[in-house]
Amino acid sequence: MKRQPKPTYTIPAEQAWAAAQAAFRINGNRYVKINDGENARPNKEIMLEILTQTPEQIVEQDHELAEACRQRLGSEISLRLLKGQELGEWHQIQARICTLETITTAYDLAVLASFPNSYNKTLARDQVQDRLRECEDVAVGAGRVNLSVEVVDCFYSRQWDCWYTRAIDQANRAVTFAYREQVKPGTSLDIIGTVKGFDNRISRLNRVRVLEQEAVA
């Protein structure tokens, strides 16, 4: 069977970025991939429909957010390069697409459909960093400590097979510790742990045991 040629496009980048943002908004500020198993259309599919059939679904806010998204993701690449960091495969793709003036391939459109979600995650990380910078520049204590904290973020380490959690106690002091399961930001925890170090306004705890957990509403 003769292989079908891949579709090609000639879409101004500004319009493509805005369509990606519109698809993200229409999907409830979620990014859904093909075969995700969710009861929602993939963002790529919505984005292509907007670009080829219903461009009127793009509103002014989509253009504004798309421009902010493009600038922020592009600046992240520039910052990595200024720091002398080597770009991985994903960041190389991100850097290339951020500089395009015209989108011509289905692959680039599919990648671009995910960028609003990447931008939202970046803004969420910014908020966490801002909150941690406002914490007191003092350790939570020495040795074994008992704390009531609110989780501000939690991420998985494949290397160590655990969830690294950052939280703030009632005295506005930050802590970080490893835990066996994910804890949703906003969750309140009563914990016991051992202070192993302190730097950058964060006390590092180990041997943490959760005494009580109150889920975020």
N, C-alpha and C. Protein backbone atom coordinates (compact mmCIF):
# COMPACT_ATOMS: atom_id res chain seq x y z
N MET A 1 0.85 -1.20 0.00
CA MET A 1 0.00 0.00 0.00
C MET A 1 0.88 1.25 0.00
N LYS A 2 0.52 2.18 -0.86
CA LYS A 2 1.29 3.41 -0.95
C LYS A 2 1.05 4.27 0.28
N ARG A 3 2.14 4.74 0.87
CA ARG A 3 2.02 5.56 2.07
C ARG A 3 1.43 6.93 1.74
N GLN A 4 0.48 7.34 2.55
CA GLN A 4 -0.15 8.65 2.34
C GLN A 4 0.80 9.75 2.80
N PRO A 5 0.93 10.83 2.00
CA PRO A 5 1.81 11.93 2.42
C PRO A 5 1.26 12.62 3.67
N LYS A 6 2.15 13.07 4.51
CA LYS A 6 1.73 13.78 5.72
C LYS A 6 1.16 15.15 5.34
N PRO A 7 0.11 15.57 6.02
CA PRO A 7 -0.47 16.88 5.69
C PRO A 7 0.49 18.01 6.02
N THR A 8 0.43 19.05 5.22
CA THR A 8 1.24 20.24 5.48
C THR A 8 0.32 21.45 5.58
N TYR A 9 0.79 22.47 6.26
CA TYR A 9 -0.01 23.65 6.52
C TYR A 9 0.82 24.91 6.28
N THR A 10 0.13 26.01 6.18
CA THR A 10 0.79 27.32 6.15
C THR A 10 -0.02 28.23 7.07
N ILE A 11 0.27 28.13 8.35
CA ILE A 11 -0.52 28.84 9.36
C ILE A 11 0.37 29.86 10.06
N PRO A 12 -0.01 31.13 10.05
CA PRO A 12 0.77 32.11 10.80
C PRO A 12 0.91 31.69 12.26
N ALA A 13 2.11 31.80 12.79
CA ALA A 13 2.37 31.32 14.15
C ALA A 13 1.45 31.99 15.17
N GLU A 14 1.23 33.28 15.02
CA GLU A 14 0.38 33.99 15.98
C GLU A 14 -1.02 33.36 16.04
N GLN A 15 -1.56 32.99 14.86
CA GLN A 15 -2.89 32.37 14.83
C GLN A 15 -2.86 30.97 15.43
N ALA A 16 -1.80 30.23 15.18
CA ALA A 16 -1.69 28.87 15.71
C ALA A 16 -1.59 28.89 17.23
N TRP A 17 -0.77 29.80 17.78
CA TRP A 17 -0.64 29.90 19.24
C TRP A 17 -1.97 30.28 19.87
N ALA A 18 -2.70 31.22 19.23
CA ALA A 18 -4.00 31.64 19.77
C ALA A 18 -5.00 30.48 19.71
N ALA A 19 -4.95 29.68 18.65
CA ALA A 19 -5.86 28.54 18.53
C ALA A 19 -5.55 27.50 19.60
N ALA A 20 -4.27 27.31 19.89
CA ALA A 20 -3.89 26.38 20.96
C ALA A 20 -4.45 26.85 22.30
N GLN A 21 -4.39 28.16 22.53
CA GLN A 21 -4.91 28.70 23.78
C GLN A 21 -6.43 28.57 23.82
N ALA A 22 -7.09 28.79 22.68
CA ALA A 22 -8.55 28.65 22.64
C ALA A 22 -8.97 27.21 22.91
N ALA A 23 -8.24 26.26 22.34
CA ALA A 23 -8.55 24.84 22.57
C ALA A 23 -8.38 24.49 24.04
N PHE A 24 -7.35 25.03 24.65
CA PHE A 24 -7.11 24.79 26.08
C PHE A 24 -8.27 25.35 26.91
N ARG A 25 -8.72 26.55 26.57
CA ARG A 25 -9.84 27.17 27.28
C ARG A 25 -11.12 26.36 27.09
N ILE A 26 -11.40 25.96 25.86
CA ILE A 26 -12.62 25.22 25.55
C ILE A 26 -12.64 23.87 26.29
N ASN A 27 -11.47 23.29 26.51
CA ASN A 27 -11.37 22.02 27.22
C ASN A 27 -11.30 22.20 28.73
N GLY A 28 -11.70 23.36 29.20
CA GLY A 28 -11.74 23.59 30.65
C GLY A 28 -10.37 23.78 31.25
N ASN A 29 -9.47 24.45 30.48
CA ASN A 29 -8.08 24.66 30.92
C ASN A 29 -7.40 23.33 31.23
N ARG A 30 -7.63 22.36 30.36
CA ARG A 30 -7.00 21.05 30.47
C ARG A 30 -6.33 20.72 29.15
N TYR A 31 -5.28 19.90 29.24
CA TYR A 31 -4.66 19.38 28.04
C TYR A 31 -4.98 17.90 27.94
N VAL A 32 -5.70 17.54 26.88
CA VAL A 32 -6.09 16.15 26.65
C VAL A 32 -5.38 15.65 25.40
N LYS A 33 -4.64 14.57 25.54
CA LYS A 33 -3.94 13.97 24.41
C LYS A 33 -4.84 12.94 23.74
N ILE A 34 -4.49 12.57 22.53
CA ILE A 34 -5.18 11.49 21.84
C ILE A 34 -4.95 10.19 22.63
N ASN A 35 -6.02 9.41 22.77
CA ASN A 35 -5.96 8.13 23.50
C ASN A 35 -5.67 8.31 24.98
N ASP A 36 -6.05 9.46 25.53
CA ASP A 36 -5.89 9.69 26.97
C ASP A 36 -6.92 8.92 27.79
N GLY A 37 -7.99 8.50 27.11
CA GLY A 37 -9.04 7.78 27.82
C GLY A 37 -10.02 8.70 28.53
N GLU A 38 -9.86 10.01 28.36
CA GLU A 38 -10.77 10.95 29.00
C GLU A 38 -11.99 11.18 28.11
N ASN A 39 -13.08 11.57 28.74
CA ASN A 39 -14.30 11.86 28.00
C ASN A 39 -14.27 13.31 27.53
N ALA A 40 -13.27 13.60 26.72
CA ALA A 40 -13.09 14.95 26.18
C ALA A 40 -12.29 14.85 24.90
N ARG A 41 -12.49 15.80 24.02
CA ARG A 41 -11.77 15.79 22.75
C ARG A 41 -10.31 16.22 22.98
N PRO A 42 -9.40 15.64 22.24
CA PRO A 42 -8.00 16.07 22.36
C PRO A 42 -7.84 17.53 21.96
N ASN A 43 -6.95 18.23 22.63
CA ASN A 43 -6.71 19.64 22.32
C ASN A 43 -6.27 19.83 20.88
N LYS A 44 -5.44 18.91 20.38
CA LYS A 44 -4.98 19.02 18.99
C LYS A 44 -6.16 19.02 18.02
N GLU A 45 -7.13 18.16 18.27
CA GLU A 45 -8.30 18.07 17.40
C GLU A 45 -9.11 19.35 17.43
N ILE A 46 -9.33 19.89 18.62
CA ILE A 46 -10.08 21.16 18.74
C ILE A 46 -9.31 22.29 18.06
N MET A 47 -8.01 22.30 18.28
CA MET A 47 -7.16 23.34 17.70
C MET A 47 -7.22 23.33 16.17
N LEU A 48 -7.12 22.15 15.56
CA LEU A 48 -7.18 22.04 14.10
C LEU A 48 -8.55 22.47 13.57
N GLU A 49 -9.60 22.12 14.30
CA GLU A 49 -10.94 22.52 13.88
C GLU A 49 -11.08 24.04 13.91
N ILE A 50 -10.54 24.66 14.94
CA ILE A 50 -10.59 26.12 15.03
C ILE A 50 -9.84 26.76 13.86
N LEU A 51 -8.66 26.23 13.58
CA LEU A 51 -7.82 26.82 12.53
C LEU A 51 -8.41 26.64 11.14
N THR A 52 -9.09 25.52 10.91
CA THR A 52 -9.56 25.22 9.56
C THR A 52 -11.04 25.49 9.34
N GLN A 53 -11.83 25.57 10.45
CA GLN A 53 -13.27 25.72 10.26
C GLN A 53 -13.91 26.84 11.08
N THR A 54 -13.46 27.02 12.32
CA THR A 54 -14.17 27.95 13.20
C THR A 54 -13.21 28.93 13.87
N PRO A 55 -12.49 29.73 13.09
CA PRO A 55 -11.55 30.69 13.69
C PRO A 55 -12.21 31.72 14.59
N GLU A 56 -13.54 31.88 14.43
CA GLU A 56 -14.25 32.85 15.27
C GLU A 56 -14.29 32.43 16.74
N GLN A 57 -13.91 31.19 17.04
CA GLN A 57 -13.87 30.76 18.43
C GLN A 57 -12.69 31.36 19.20
N ILE A 58 -11.76 31.93 18.47
CA ILE A 58 -10.62 32.60 19.12
C ILE A 58 -11.07 33.97 19.59
N VAL A 59 -10.90 34.25 20.88
CA VAL A 59 -11.27 35.55 21.43
C VAL A 59 -10.01 36.34 21.76
N GLU A 60 -10.19 37.60 22.09
CA GLU A 60 -9.04 38.48 22.33
C GLU A 60 -8.16 37.96 23.46
N GLN A 61 -8.79 37.43 24.49
CA GLN A 61 -8.01 36.91 25.62
C GLN A 61 -7.10 35.77 25.18
N ASP A 62 -7.55 34.97 24.21
CA ASP A 62 -6.71 33.89 23.70
C ASP A 62 -5.44 34.44 23.07
N HIS A 63 -5.58 35.51 22.31
CA HIS A 63 -4.40 36.15 21.70
C HIS A 63 -3.45 36.67 22.77
N GLU A 64 -4.01 37.31 23.80
CA GLU A 64 -3.17 37.88 24.86
C GLU A 64 -2.42 36.78 25.63
N LEU A 65 -3.14 35.73 25.99
CA LEU A 65 -2.51 34.64 26.73
C LEU A 65 -1.51 33.89 25.86
N ALA A 66 -1.82 33.75 24.57
CA ALA A 66 -0.91 33.06 23.66
C ALA A 66 0.41 33.83 23.54
N GLU A 67 0.33 35.14 23.47
CA GLU A 67 1.55 35.94 23.39
C GLU A 67 2.37 35.83 24.66
N ALA A 68 1.68 35.87 25.81
CA ALA A 68 2.38 35.73 27.09
C ALA A 68 3.01 34.36 27.21
N CYS A 69 2.30 33.34 26.76
CA CYS A 69 2.81 31.96 26.79
C CYS A 69 4.06 31.84 25.93
N ARG A 70 4.00 32.37 24.73
CA ARG A 70 5.14 32.28 23.80
C ARG A 70 6.36 33.00 24.37
N GLN A 71 6.14 34.17 24.91
CA GLN A 71 7.26 34.93 25.48
C GLN A 71 7.88 34.22 26.67
N ARG A 72 7.03 33.67 27.54
CA ARG A 72 7.55 33.03 28.75
C ARG A 72 8.31 31.74 28.43
N LEU A 73 7.74 30.90 27.56
CA LEU A 73 8.42 29.66 27.22
C LEU A 73 9.73 29.94 26.47
N GLY A 74 9.70 30.98 25.63
CA GLY A 74 10.93 31.36 24.93
C GLY A 74 11.99 31.89 25.88
N SER A 75 11.56 32.68 26.87
CA SER A 75 12.52 33.23 27.83
C SER A 75 13.12 32.14 28.71
N GLU A 76 12.34 31.09 28.99
CA GLU A 76 12.88 29.97 29.76
C GLU A 76 14.05 29.32 29.01
N ILE A 77 13.90 29.18 27.70
CA ILE A 77 14.98 28.60 26.89
C ILE A 77 16.20 29.51 26.93
N SER A 78 15.99 30.81 26.78
CA SER A 78 17.10 31.77 26.80
C SER A 78 17.83 31.71 28.14
N LEU A 79 17.08 31.60 29.24
CA LEU A 79 17.68 31.55 30.57
C LEU A 79 18.53 30.29 30.73
N ARG A 80 18.04 29.17 30.24
CA ARG A 80 18.81 27.93 30.31
C ARG A 80 20.13 28.07 29.55
N LEU A 81 20.06 28.70 28.38
CA LEU A 81 21.27 28.86 27.57
C LEU A 81 22.25 29.82 28.24
N LEU A 82 21.73 30.89 28.86
CA LEU A 82 22.60 31.84 29.57
C LEU A 82 23.31 31.17 30.74
N LYS A 83 22.64 30.20 31.35
CA LYS A 83 23.24 29.48 32.48
C LYS A 83 24.20 28.39 32.01
N GLY A 84 24.30 28.23 30.69
CA GLY A 84 25.20 27.22 30.16
C GLY A 84 24.64 25.81 30.22
N GLN A 85 23.31 25.71 30.38
CA GLN A 85 22.69 24.39 30.47
C GLN A 85 22.47 23.81 29.08
N GLU A 86 22.66 22.52 28.96
CA GLU A 86 22.42 21.84 27.69
C GLU A 86 20.93 21.56 27.56
N LEU A 87 20.37 21.87 26.39
CA LEU A 87 18.95 21.66 26.17
C LEU A 87 18.68 20.20 25.83
N GLY A 88 17.71 19.62 26.54
CA GLY A 88 17.27 18.27 26.20
C GLY A 88 16.42 18.30 24.94
N GLU A 89 16.00 17.13 24.50
CA GLU A 89 15.25 17.03 23.25
C GLU A 89 13.97 17.86 23.29
N TRP A 90 13.22 17.79 24.41
CA TRP A 90 11.96 18.53 24.49
C TRP A 90 12.20 20.03 24.43
N HIS A 91 13.20 20.52 25.15
CA HIS A 91 13.46 21.96 25.15
C HIS A 91 14.01 22.43 23.80
N GLN A 92 14.69 21.56 23.08
CA GLN A 92 15.12 21.91 21.73
C GLN A 92 13.92 22.10 20.81
N ILE A 93 12.93 21.20 20.95
CA ILE A 93 11.70 21.33 20.16
C ILE A 93 10.96 22.60 20.55
N GLN A 94 10.87 22.86 21.84
CA GLN A 94 10.20 24.06 22.34
C GLN A 94 10.88 25.32 21.81
N ALA A 95 12.20 25.33 21.84
CA ALA A 95 12.95 26.49 21.35
C ALA A 95 12.69 26.72 19.87
N ARG A 96 12.68 25.66 19.09
CA ARG A 96 12.46 25.79 17.64
C ARG A 96 11.08 26.33 17.34
N ILE A 97 10.05 25.78 17.99
CA ILE A 97 8.69 26.21 17.70
C ILE A 97 8.45 27.64 18.16
N CYS A 98 9.09 28.06 19.25
CA CYS A 98 8.92 29.44 19.73
C CYS A 98 9.44 30.46 18.74
N THR A 99 10.36 30.06 17.88
CA THR A 99 10.95 31.00 16.92
C THR A 99 10.28 30.98 15.55
N LEU A 100 9.38 30.02 15.32
CA LEU A 100 8.74 29.91 14.00
C LEU A 100 7.76 31.06 13.76
N GLU A 101 7.74 31.54 12.53
CA GLU A 101 6.74 32.53 12.13
C GLU A 101 5.57 31.89 11.40
N THR A 102 5.78 30.68 10.91
CA THR A 102 4.74 29.94 10.21
C THR A 102 4.80 28.48 10.65
N ILE A 103 3.65 27.91 10.96
CA ILE A 103 3.57 26.50 11.34
C ILE A 103 3.18 25.70 10.10
N THR A 104 3.98 24.68 9.78
CA THR A 104 3.78 23.96 8.52
C THR A 104 3.52 22.47 8.67
N THR A 105 3.74 21.91 9.85
CA THR A 105 3.59 20.45 9.99
C THR A 105 2.58 20.09 11.07
N ALA A 106 1.98 18.91 10.91
CA ALA A 106 1.03 18.41 11.91
C ALA A 106 1.74 18.15 13.23
N TYR A 107 3.00 17.74 13.16
CA TYR A 107 3.76 17.47 14.38
C TYR A 107 3.91 18.74 15.21
N ASP A 108 4.30 19.84 14.57
CA ASP A 108 4.48 21.09 15.30
C ASP A 108 3.16 21.59 15.88
N LEU A 109 2.06 21.39 15.16
CA LEU A 109 0.76 21.77 15.68
C LEU A 109 0.40 20.94 16.91
N ALA A 110 0.71 19.64 16.85
CA ALA A 110 0.41 18.76 17.99
C ALA A 110 1.20 19.17 19.21
N VAL A 111 2.48 19.50 19.03
CA VAL A 111 3.31 19.94 20.15
C VAL A 111 2.80 21.28 20.69
N LEU A 112 2.49 22.18 19.78
CA LEU A 112 2.01 23.50 20.18
C LEU A 112 0.72 23.42 20.99
N ALA A 113 -0.10 22.43 20.71
CA ALA A 113 -1.36 22.27 21.46
C ALA A 113 -1.11 22.05 22.94
N SER A 114 0.07 21.56 23.30
CA SER A 114 0.38 21.29 24.71
C SER A 114 0.97 22.50 25.44
N PHE A 115 1.38 23.53 24.70
CA PHE A 115 2.10 24.64 25.32
C PHE A 115 1.29 25.45 26.33
N PRO A 116 -0.02 25.68 26.12
CA PRO A 116 -0.77 26.41 27.16
C PRO A 116 -0.73 25.68 28.51
N ASN A 117 -0.75 24.35 28.47
CA ASN A 117 -0.66 23.59 29.72
C ASN A 117 0.72 23.75 30.36
N SER A 118 1.77 23.74 29.53
CA SER A 118 3.13 23.98 30.04
C SER A 118 3.23 25.36 30.68
N TYR A 119 2.59 26.34 30.05
CA TYR A 119 2.61 27.71 30.56
C TYR A 119 1.91 27.80 31.91
N ASN A 120 0.75 27.14 32.03
CA ASN A 120 0.03 27.13 33.31
C ASN A 120 0.86 26.50 34.42
N LYS A 121 1.57 25.42 34.10
CA LYS A 121 2.42 24.78 35.10
C LYS A 121 3.56 25.71 35.50
N THR A 122 4.08 26.45 34.53
CA THR A 122 5.15 27.41 34.83
C THR A 122 4.66 28.49 35.78
N LEU A 123 3.45 29.01 35.53
CA LEU A 123 2.88 30.03 36.41
C LEU A 123 2.65 29.48 37.81
N ALA A 124 2.22 28.21 37.89
CA ALA A 124 2.00 27.59 39.20
C ALA A 124 3.32 27.47 39.95
N ARG A 125 4.41 27.10 39.24
CA ARG A 125 5.73 27.03 39.89
C ARG A 125 6.17 28.41 40.36
N ASP A 126 5.87 29.43 39.57
CA ASP A 126 6.21 30.80 39.97
C ASP A 126 5.52 31.16 41.28
N GLN A 127 4.25 30.80 41.40
CA GLN A 127 3.50 31.12 42.61
C GLN A 127 4.09 30.42 43.83
N VAL A 128 4.52 29.16 43.63
CA VAL A 128 5.15 28.43 44.73
C VAL A 128 6.44 29.11 45.14
N GLN A 129 7.27 29.47 44.16
CA GLN A 129 8.54 30.12 44.48
C GLN A 129 8.33 31.45 45.17
N ASP A 130 7.33 32.21 44.72
CA ASP A 130 7.03 33.50 45.36
C ASP A 130 6.64 33.28 46.82
N ARG A 131 5.82 32.28 47.06
CA ARG A 131 5.37 32.03 48.43
C ARG A 131 6.53 31.57 49.31
N LEU A 132 7.41 30.72 48.76
CA LEU A 132 8.56 30.25 49.55
C LEU A 132 9.53 31.40 49.85
N ARG A 133 9.67 32.32 48.92
CA ARG A 133 10.56 33.48 49.16
C ARG A 133 10.05 34.37 50.28
N GLU A 134 8.75 34.31 50.54
CA GLU A 134 8.15 35.12 51.60
C GLU A 134 8.23 34.46 52.97
N CYS A 135 8.75 33.24 53.01
CA CYS A 135 8.85 32.53 54.30
C CYS A 135 9.97 33.12 55.15
N GLU A 136 9.88 32.86 56.46
CA GLU A 136 10.90 33.32 57.39
C GLU A 136 12.22 32.60 57.09
N ASP A 137 13.31 33.36 57.21
CA ASP A 137 14.64 32.79 56.95
C ASP A 137 15.19 32.18 58.23
N VAL A 138 14.48 31.15 58.70
CA VAL A 138 14.85 30.50 59.96
C VAL A 138 14.40 29.04 59.91
N ALA A 139 15.19 28.16 60.48
CA ALA A 139 14.85 26.74 60.51
C ALA A 139 13.67 26.48 61.44
N VAL A 140 13.01 25.35 61.23
CA VAL A 140 11.85 25.00 62.06
C VAL A 140 12.28 24.44 63.42
N GLY A 141 13.56 24.26 63.62
CA GLY A 141 14.05 23.74 64.89
C GLY A 141 15.25 22.83 64.65
N ALA A 142 15.57 22.01 65.64
CA ALA A 142 16.68 21.07 65.53
C ALA A 142 16.23 19.71 66.04
N GLY A 143 16.80 18.66 65.49
CA GLY A 143 16.43 17.32 65.92
C GLY A 143 15.02 16.97 65.49
N ARG A 144 14.33 16.25 66.35
CA ARG A 144 12.97 15.79 66.04
C ARG A 144 11.98 16.91 66.30
N VAL A 145 11.13 17.20 65.30
CA VAL A 145 10.17 18.30 65.43
C VAL A 145 8.77 17.81 65.08
N ASN A 146 7.78 18.46 65.67
CA ASN A 146 6.37 18.18 65.43
C ASN A 146 5.75 19.43 64.82
N LEU A 147 5.18 19.33 63.60
CA LEU A 147 4.73 20.52 62.87
C LEU A 147 3.34 20.32 62.27
N SER A 148 2.63 21.44 62.15
CA SER A 148 1.41 21.49 61.35
C SER A 148 1.73 22.33 60.11
N VAL A 149 1.58 21.74 58.93
CA VAL A 149 2.01 22.42 57.71
C VAL A 149 0.92 22.38 56.65
N GLU A 150 1.05 23.28 55.67
CA GLU A 150 0.21 23.25 54.48
C GLU A 150 1.10 22.97 53.28
N VAL A 151 0.76 21.98 52.49
CA VAL A 151 1.54 21.59 51.32
C VAL A 151 1.38 22.65 50.22
N VAL A 152 2.52 23.08 49.64
CA VAL A 152 2.45 24.05 48.54
C VAL A 152 2.81 23.42 47.20
N ASP A 153 3.61 22.36 47.21
CA ASP A 153 3.78 21.58 45.98
C ASP A 153 4.37 20.22 46.28
N CYS A 154 4.22 19.32 45.28
CA CYS A 154 4.62 17.93 45.47
C CYS A 154 4.97 17.36 44.10
N PHE A 155 6.15 16.78 43.96
CA PHE A 155 6.55 16.24 42.65
C PHE A 155 7.26 14.91 42.83
N TYR A 156 7.15 14.08 41.81
CA TYR A 156 7.66 12.71 41.88
C TYR A 156 9.09 12.62 41.38
N SER A 157 9.92 11.87 42.10
CA SER A 157 11.31 11.60 41.69
C SER A 157 11.40 10.15 41.22
N ARG A 158 11.64 9.96 39.93
CA ARG A 158 11.81 8.60 39.41
C ARG A 158 13.08 7.97 39.99
N GLN A 159 14.09 8.81 40.18
CA GLN A 159 15.37 8.28 40.67
C GLN A 159 15.22 7.64 42.04
N TRP A 160 14.45 8.29 42.93
CA TRP A 160 14.32 7.82 44.30
C TRP A 160 12.97 7.18 44.59
N ASP A 161 12.09 7.15 43.59
CA ASP A 161 10.77 6.52 43.72
C ASP A 161 10.03 7.03 44.95
N CYS A 162 9.91 8.35 45.04
CA CYS A 162 9.16 8.95 46.14
C CYS A 162 8.66 10.32 45.70
N TRP A 163 7.82 10.90 46.52
CA TRP A 163 7.26 12.23 46.24
C TRP A 163 7.96 13.26 47.14
N TYR A 164 8.56 14.26 46.52
CA TYR A 164 9.17 15.35 47.28
C TYR A 164 8.13 16.43 47.52
N THR A 165 7.94 16.74 48.77
CA THR A 165 6.88 17.67 49.19
C THR A 165 7.48 18.91 49.81
N ARG A 166 6.95 20.06 49.43
CA ARG A 166 7.33 21.32 50.09
C ARG A 166 6.10 21.88 50.76
N ALA A 167 6.30 22.37 51.98
CA ALA A 167 5.16 22.83 52.79
C ALA A 167 5.60 23.99 53.67
N ILE A 168 4.61 24.69 54.24
CA ILE A 168 4.87 25.85 55.09
C ILE A 168 4.11 25.65 56.40
N ASP A 169 4.80 25.90 57.51
CA ASP A 169 4.15 25.69 58.81
C ASP A 169 3.42 26.95 59.26
N GLN A 170 2.82 26.88 60.44
CA GLN A 170 1.98 27.98 60.93
C GLN A 170 2.79 29.21 61.33
N ALA A 171 4.11 29.06 61.44
CA ALA A 171 4.97 30.20 61.73
C ALA A 171 5.63 30.73 60.47
N ASN A 172 5.09 30.35 59.31
CA ASN A 172 5.58 30.80 58.00
C ASN A 172 7.03 30.36 57.76
N ARG A 173 7.33 29.12 58.12
CA ARG A 173 8.65 28.53 57.87
C ARG A 173 8.47 27.36 56.90
N ALA A 174 9.37 27.27 55.93
CA ALA A 174 9.23 26.27 54.87
C ALA A 174 10.00 24.99 55.21
N VAL A 175 9.45 23.86 54.77
CA VAL A 175 10.11 22.56 54.94
C VAL A 175 9.99 21.77 53.64
N THR A 176 10.90 20.84 53.46
CA THR A 176 10.79 19.90 52.35
C THR A 176 11.12 18.50 52.86
N PHE A 177 10.43 17.50 52.32
CA PHE A 177 10.67 16.12 52.76
C PHE A 177 10.17 15.15 51.70
N ALA A 178 10.69 13.93 51.75
CA ALA A 178 10.25 12.87 50.85
C ALA A 178 9.12 12.09 51.51
N TYR A 179 8.15 11.66 50.67
CA TYR A 179 7.01 10.92 51.20
C TYR A 179 6.63 9.83 50.20
N ARG A 180 5.95 8.81 50.66
CA ARG A 180 5.67 7.65 49.82
C ARG A 180 4.54 7.88 48.83
N GLU A 181 3.74 8.91 49.02
CA GLU A 181 2.61 9.15 48.13
C GLU A 181 2.44 10.63 47.84
N GLN A 182 1.72 10.91 46.78
CA GLN A 182 1.48 12.29 46.39
C GLN A 182 0.51 12.96 47.36
N VAL A 183 0.80 14.22 47.68
CA VAL A 183 -0.09 15.01 48.53
C VAL A 183 -0.49 16.26 47.75
N LYS A 184 -1.77 16.49 47.64
CA LYS A 184 -2.27 17.60 46.84
C LYS A 184 -1.94 18.94 47.50
N PRO A 185 -1.46 19.93 46.71
CA PRO A 185 -1.23 21.26 47.28
C PRO A 185 -2.48 21.81 47.95
N GLY A 186 -2.28 22.45 49.09
CA GLY A 186 -3.41 22.95 49.88
C GLY A 186 -3.78 22.02 51.02
N THR A 187 -3.28 20.78 50.98
CA THR A 187 -3.57 19.82 52.05
C THR A 187 -2.86 20.22 53.34
N SER A 188 -3.56 20.09 54.46
CA SER A 188 -2.96 20.34 55.78
C SER A 188 -2.48 19.02 56.37
N LEU A 189 -1.26 19.04 56.90
CA LEU A 189 -0.67 17.84 57.50
C LEU A 189 -0.13 18.15 58.89
N ASP A 190 -0.31 17.19 59.80
CA ASP A 190 0.42 17.20 61.06
C ASP A 190 1.52 16.14 60.92
N ILE A 191 2.78 16.56 61.07
CA ILE A 191 3.89 15.65 60.81
C ILE A 191 4.92 15.68 61.94
N ILE A 192 5.68 14.61 62.00
CA ILE A 192 6.88 14.54 62.84
C ILE A 192 8.04 14.20 61.93
N GLY A 193 9.14 14.92 62.07
CA GLY A 193 10.31 14.64 61.24
C GLY A 193 11.58 15.12 61.92
N THR A 194 12.70 14.72 61.34
CA THR A 194 14.01 15.12 61.87
C THR A 194 14.65 16.15 60.95
N VAL A 195 15.07 17.27 61.51
CA VAL A 195 15.71 18.32 60.73
C VAL A 195 17.13 17.90 60.37
N LYS A 196 17.39 17.81 59.06
CA LYS A 196 18.71 17.38 58.60
C LYS A 196 19.54 18.53 58.05
N GLY A 197 18.92 19.65 57.77
CA GLY A 197 19.67 20.78 57.23
C GLY A 197 18.76 21.95 56.97
N PHE A 198 19.37 23.09 56.64
CA PHE A 198 18.60 24.30 56.36
C PHE A 198 19.37 25.16 55.37
N ASP A 199 18.74 25.50 54.25
CA ASP A 199 19.33 26.45 53.30
C ASP A 199 18.23 26.99 52.40
N ASN A 200 18.47 28.17 51.85
CA ASN A 200 17.50 28.84 50.96
C ASN A 200 16.11 28.91 51.59
N ARG A 201 16.07 29.20 52.89
CA ARG A 201 14.82 29.40 53.63
C ARG A 201 14.01 28.11 53.80
N ILE A 202 14.61 26.95 53.56
CA ILE A 202 13.86 25.70 53.66
C ILE A 202 14.59 24.71 54.58
N SER A 203 13.87 24.18 55.55
CA SER A 203 14.41 23.11 56.40
C SER A 203 14.19 21.77 55.71
N ARG A 204 15.24 20.97 55.64
CA ARG A 204 15.15 19.63 55.05
C ARG A 204 14.88 18.61 56.15
N LEU A 205 13.81 17.86 55.98
CA LEU A 205 13.42 16.87 56.98
C LEU A 205 13.59 15.45 56.43
N ASN A 206 13.90 14.51 57.31
CA ASN A 206 13.81 13.11 56.93
C ASN A 206 13.10 12.33 58.03
N ARG A 207 12.89 11.04 57.77
CA ARG A 207 12.15 10.19 58.71
C ARG A 207 10.81 10.85 59.09
N VAL A 208 10.12 11.33 58.07
CA VAL A 208 8.86 12.04 58.31
C VAL A 208 7.71 11.04 58.45
N ARG A 209 6.90 11.28 59.45
CA ARG A 209 5.69 10.48 59.65
C ARG A 209 4.50 11.43 59.72
N VAL A 210 3.47 11.11 58.91
CA VAL A 210 2.27 11.94 58.90
C VAL A 210 1.32 11.43 59.98
N LEU A 211 0.97 12.34 60.89
CA LEU A 211 0.07 11.99 61.98
C LEU A 211 -1.38 12.17 61.61
N GLU A 212 -1.64 13.23 60.87
CA GLU A 212 -3.02 13.54 60.47
C GLU A 212 -2.99 14.31 59.16
N GLN A 213 -3.98 14.04 58.31
CA GLN A 213 -4.04 14.69 57.01
C GLN A 213 -5.44 15.21 56.78
N GLU A 214 -5.55 16.49 56.39
CA GLU A 214 -6.83 17.10 56.08
C GLU A 214 -6.80 17.54 54.63
N ALA A 215 -7.56 16.86 53.78
CA ALA A 215 -7.53 17.11 52.36
C ALA A 215 -8.06 18.50 52.03
N VAL A 216 -7.53 19.06 50.93
CA VAL A 216 -8.00 20.35 50.47
C VAL A 216 -9.42 20.19 49.94
N ALA A 217 -10.25 21.21 50.16
CA ALA A 217 -11.64 21.13 49.72
C ALA A 217 -11.73 21.21 48.20
